[in-house]
Amino acid sequence: MSLRVAAAAPFIQNGTTRLEEGEFVVALSLDRDWFSPDQAKRLIDIATREGLLERDGDDLVAGFDPSEVTVPEEFVPDEDILQERSAFERVLDALVADGMEKHEAVGAINALQSDLGVTIEAAAVVYARREGLEVDDIAPIARDAIVEAGAEAEPEPEEG
């Protein structure tokens, strides 16, 4: 969730949903002193991959309504938001943002994983869709996890 808050802050600060990339970087690095300019650019890359930001030429456009995000006065994002998140983590964040308790979502996803015999990522996507959440951007990542798990589970061919 803090990735969304960090991505929203420059838009809220400027009262817009569109900023030049340089303005966005300055807002995060110089104005707020949350990140170095390189880290701010990394945040842009991650937030873009996760659908929070969209590139339009030299501009960044919010892929969500920043006015619906509250940036607490004492908020300082953890540097771990600069790490890629798994499909499971992204779905879990979406479920929590939609109002579900985190422990309930984790329990339900774990149960579904056990019932279906699939990866945790696949179970998370199936569960989120059953809950009415739009997770089409995350589904391919979950599919890739299934393919990778299947490839790892295949026995080596015997030489005869």
Protein backbone atom coordinates (compact mmCIF):
# COMPACT_ATOMS: atom_id res chain seq x y z
CA MET A 1 0.00 0.00 0.00
CA SER A 2 2.84 2.40 0.67
CA LEU A 3 3.82 2.24 -3.02
CA ARG A 4 0.42 3.73 -3.89
CA VAL A 5 0.85 6.43 -1.23
CA ALA A 6 4.36 7.29 -2.42
CA ALA A 7 3.19 7.41 -6.04
CA ALA A 8 0.21 9.59 -5.12
CA ALA A 9 2.17 12.16 -3.12
CA PRO A 10 3.63 14.17 -6.05
CA PHE A 11 0.23 14.34 -7.75
CA ILE A 12 -1.50 15.43 -4.53
CA GLN A 13 1.24 17.99 -3.87
CA ASN A 14 0.71 19.50 -7.33
CA GLY A 15 -3.08 19.07 -7.44
CA THR A 16 -3.05 17.12 -10.69
CA THR A 17 -3.12 13.64 -12.18
CA ARG A 18 -0.36 14.37 -14.74
CA LEU A 19 3.24 15.45 -14.11
CA GLU A 20 6.42 15.61 -16.12
CA GLU A 21 8.73 12.82 -15.00
CA GLY A 22 11.28 15.36 -13.76
CA GLU A 23 8.65 17.08 -11.58
CA PHE A 24 7.68 13.71 -10.12
CA VAL A 25 11.31 12.88 -9.31
CA VAL A 26 11.88 16.31 -7.72
CA ALA A 27 8.74 15.94 -5.60
CA LEU A 28 9.94 12.61 -4.18
CA SER A 29 13.65 13.37 -3.88
CA LEU A 30 14.07 17.08 -3.17
CA ASP A 31 10.68 18.26 -1.90
CA ARG A 32 9.96 15.31 0.37
CA ASP A 33 13.49 13.91 0.73
CA TRP A 34 12.12 10.36 0.61
CA PHE A 35 14.41 9.00 -2.09
CA SER A 36 17.47 9.83 -4.13
CA PRO A 37 16.67 10.81 -7.74
CA ASP A 38 17.76 7.32 -8.89
CA GLN A 39 15.49 5.68 -6.31
CA ALA A 40 12.60 7.93 -7.41
CA LYS A 41 13.15 6.74 -10.99
CA ARG A 42 13.14 3.14 -9.76
CA LEU A 43 9.83 3.83 -8.01
CA ILE A 44 8.47 5.15 -11.31
CA ASP A 45 9.50 1.93 -13.08
CA ILE A 46 7.90 -0.29 -10.43
CA ALA A 47 4.73 1.80 -10.17
CA THR A 48 4.43 1.77 -13.97
CA ARG A 49 4.74 -2.04 -14.11
CA GLU A 50 2.11 -2.32 -11.39
CA GLY A 51 -0.33 -0.05 -13.22
CA LEU A 52 -0.17 2.82 -10.74
CA LEU A 53 1.51 5.12 -13.27
CA GLU A 54 1.31 5.36 -17.03
CA ARG A 55 3.86 7.00 -19.31
CA ASP A 56 2.59 9.50 -21.88
CA GLY A 57 5.61 10.95 -23.65
CA ASP A 58 7.64 12.76 -21.01
CA ASP A 59 4.68 12.82 -18.63
CA LEU A 60 3.54 10.45 -15.94
CA VAL A 61 -0.19 9.98 -15.53
CA ALA A 62 -1.74 8.53 -12.39
CA GLY A 63 -3.45 5.21 -13.09
CA PHE A 64 -5.68 5.81 -10.07
CA ASP A 65 -7.36 8.78 -8.42
CA PRO A 66 -4.68 10.39 -6.21
CA SER A 67 -7.34 12.43 -4.39
CA GLU A 68 -8.64 9.18 -2.89
CA VAL A 69 -5.24 8.53 -1.25
CA THR A 70 -4.28 10.01 2.10
CA VAL A 71 -0.61 10.76 2.72
CA PRO A 72 -0.21 10.86 6.51
CA GLU A 73 1.93 13.78 7.65
CA GLU A 74 4.48 11.49 9.29
CA PHE A 75 4.53 9.05 6.36
CA VAL A 76 7.94 8.00 5.08
CA PRO A 77 7.97 5.08 2.63
CA ASP A 78 10.15 2.09 3.36
CA GLU A 79 12.89 1.44 0.84
CA ASP A 80 11.47 -2.07 0.38
CA ILE A 81 8.82 -0.57 -1.91
CA LEU A 82 11.64 -0.24 -4.42
CA GLN A 83 11.73 -4.04 -4.66
CA GLU A 84 9.58 -5.96 -7.12
CA ARG A 85 6.59 -7.54 -5.44
CA SER A 86 5.32 -11.01 -6.23
CA ALA A 87 1.93 -11.54 -7.81
CA PHE A 88 0.72 -12.85 -4.44
CA GLU A 89 1.81 -9.66 -2.66
CA ARG A 90 0.20 -7.48 -5.31
CA VAL A 91 -3.11 -9.36 -5.13
CA LEU A 92 -3.01 -9.31 -1.34
CA ASP A 93 -2.48 -5.54 -1.36
CA ALA A 94 -5.42 -5.13 -3.75
CA LEU A 95 -7.66 -7.24 -1.50
CA VAL A 96 -6.66 -5.22 1.58
CA ALA A 97 -7.19 -1.95 -0.32
CA ASP A 98 -10.66 -3.24 -1.19
CA GLY A 99 -11.45 -3.57 2.53
CA MET A 100 -10.60 -7.18 3.33
CA GLU A 101 -8.62 -8.00 6.46
CA LYS A 102 -5.13 -9.20 5.53
CA HIS A 103 -5.23 -12.33 7.71
CA GLU A 104 -8.62 -13.33 6.26
CA ALA A 105 -7.34 -12.94 2.71
CA VAL A 106 -4.18 -14.94 3.42
CA GLY A 107 -6.19 -17.73 5.05
CA ALA A 108 -8.67 -17.90 2.19
CA ILE A 109 -5.91 -17.90 -0.43
CA ASN A 110 -3.98 -20.62 1.41
CA ALA A 111 -7.12 -22.77 1.61
CA LEU A 112 -7.81 -22.26 -2.09
CA GLN A 113 -4.21 -23.14 -2.93
CA SER A 114 -4.56 -26.39 -1.01
CA ASP A 115 -7.93 -27.20 -2.61
CA LEU A 116 -6.80 -26.50 -6.17
CA GLY A 117 -3.22 -27.73 -5.88
CA VAL A 118 -1.81 -24.63 -7.58
CA THR A 119 0.84 -22.02 -6.75
CA ILE A 120 0.08 -19.33 -4.19
CA GLU A 121 0.11 -16.73 -6.98
CA ALA A 122 -2.50 -18.61 -9.01
CA ALA A 123 -4.69 -19.14 -5.95
CA ALA A 124 -4.46 -15.43 -5.14
CA VAL A 125 -5.58 -14.44 -8.63
CA VAL A 126 -8.48 -16.93 -8.61
CA TYR A 127 -9.56 -15.75 -5.16
CA ALA A 128 -9.38 -12.07 -6.12
CA ARG A 129 -11.47 -12.68 -9.24
CA ARG A 130 -14.05 -14.55 -7.15
CA GLU A 131 -14.16 -11.50 -4.89
CA GLY A 132 -14.86 -9.29 -7.91
CA LEU A 133 -11.45 -7.62 -8.14
CA GLU A 134 -9.86 -6.73 -11.46
CA VAL A 135 -6.46 -8.48 -11.52
CA ASP A 136 -5.94 -8.99 -15.26
CA ASP A 137 -2.55 -7.27 -15.08
CA ILE A 138 -1.36 -9.75 -12.43
CA ALA A 139 -2.78 -12.93 -13.96
CA PRO A 140 0.07 -13.41 -16.50
CA ILE A 141 2.61 -13.27 -13.67
CA ALA A 142 0.69 -15.98 -11.82
CA ARG A 143 0.49 -18.05 -15.00
CA ASP A 144 4.26 -17.77 -15.43
CA ALA A 145 4.71 -18.99 -11.84
CA ILE A 146 2.62 -22.07 -12.64
CA VAL A 147 4.68 -22.78 -15.76
CA GLU A 148 7.94 -22.37 -13.81
CA ALA A 149 6.69 -24.61 -11.00
CA GLY A 150 5.64 -27.24 -13.52
CA ALA A 151 9.02 -27.15 -15.24
CA GLU A 152 10.80 -27.58 -11.91
CA ALA A 153 8.55 -30.49 -10.95
CA GLU A 154 9.07 -32.46 -14.16
CA PRO A 155 11.36 -35.43 -13.68
CA GLU A 156 14.55 -35.58 -15.67
CA PRO A 157 14.23 -37.91 -18.66
CA GLU A 158 15.99 -41.19 -18.12
CA GLU A 159 18.79 -42.03 -20.44
CA GLY A 160 18.28 -45.39 -21.92
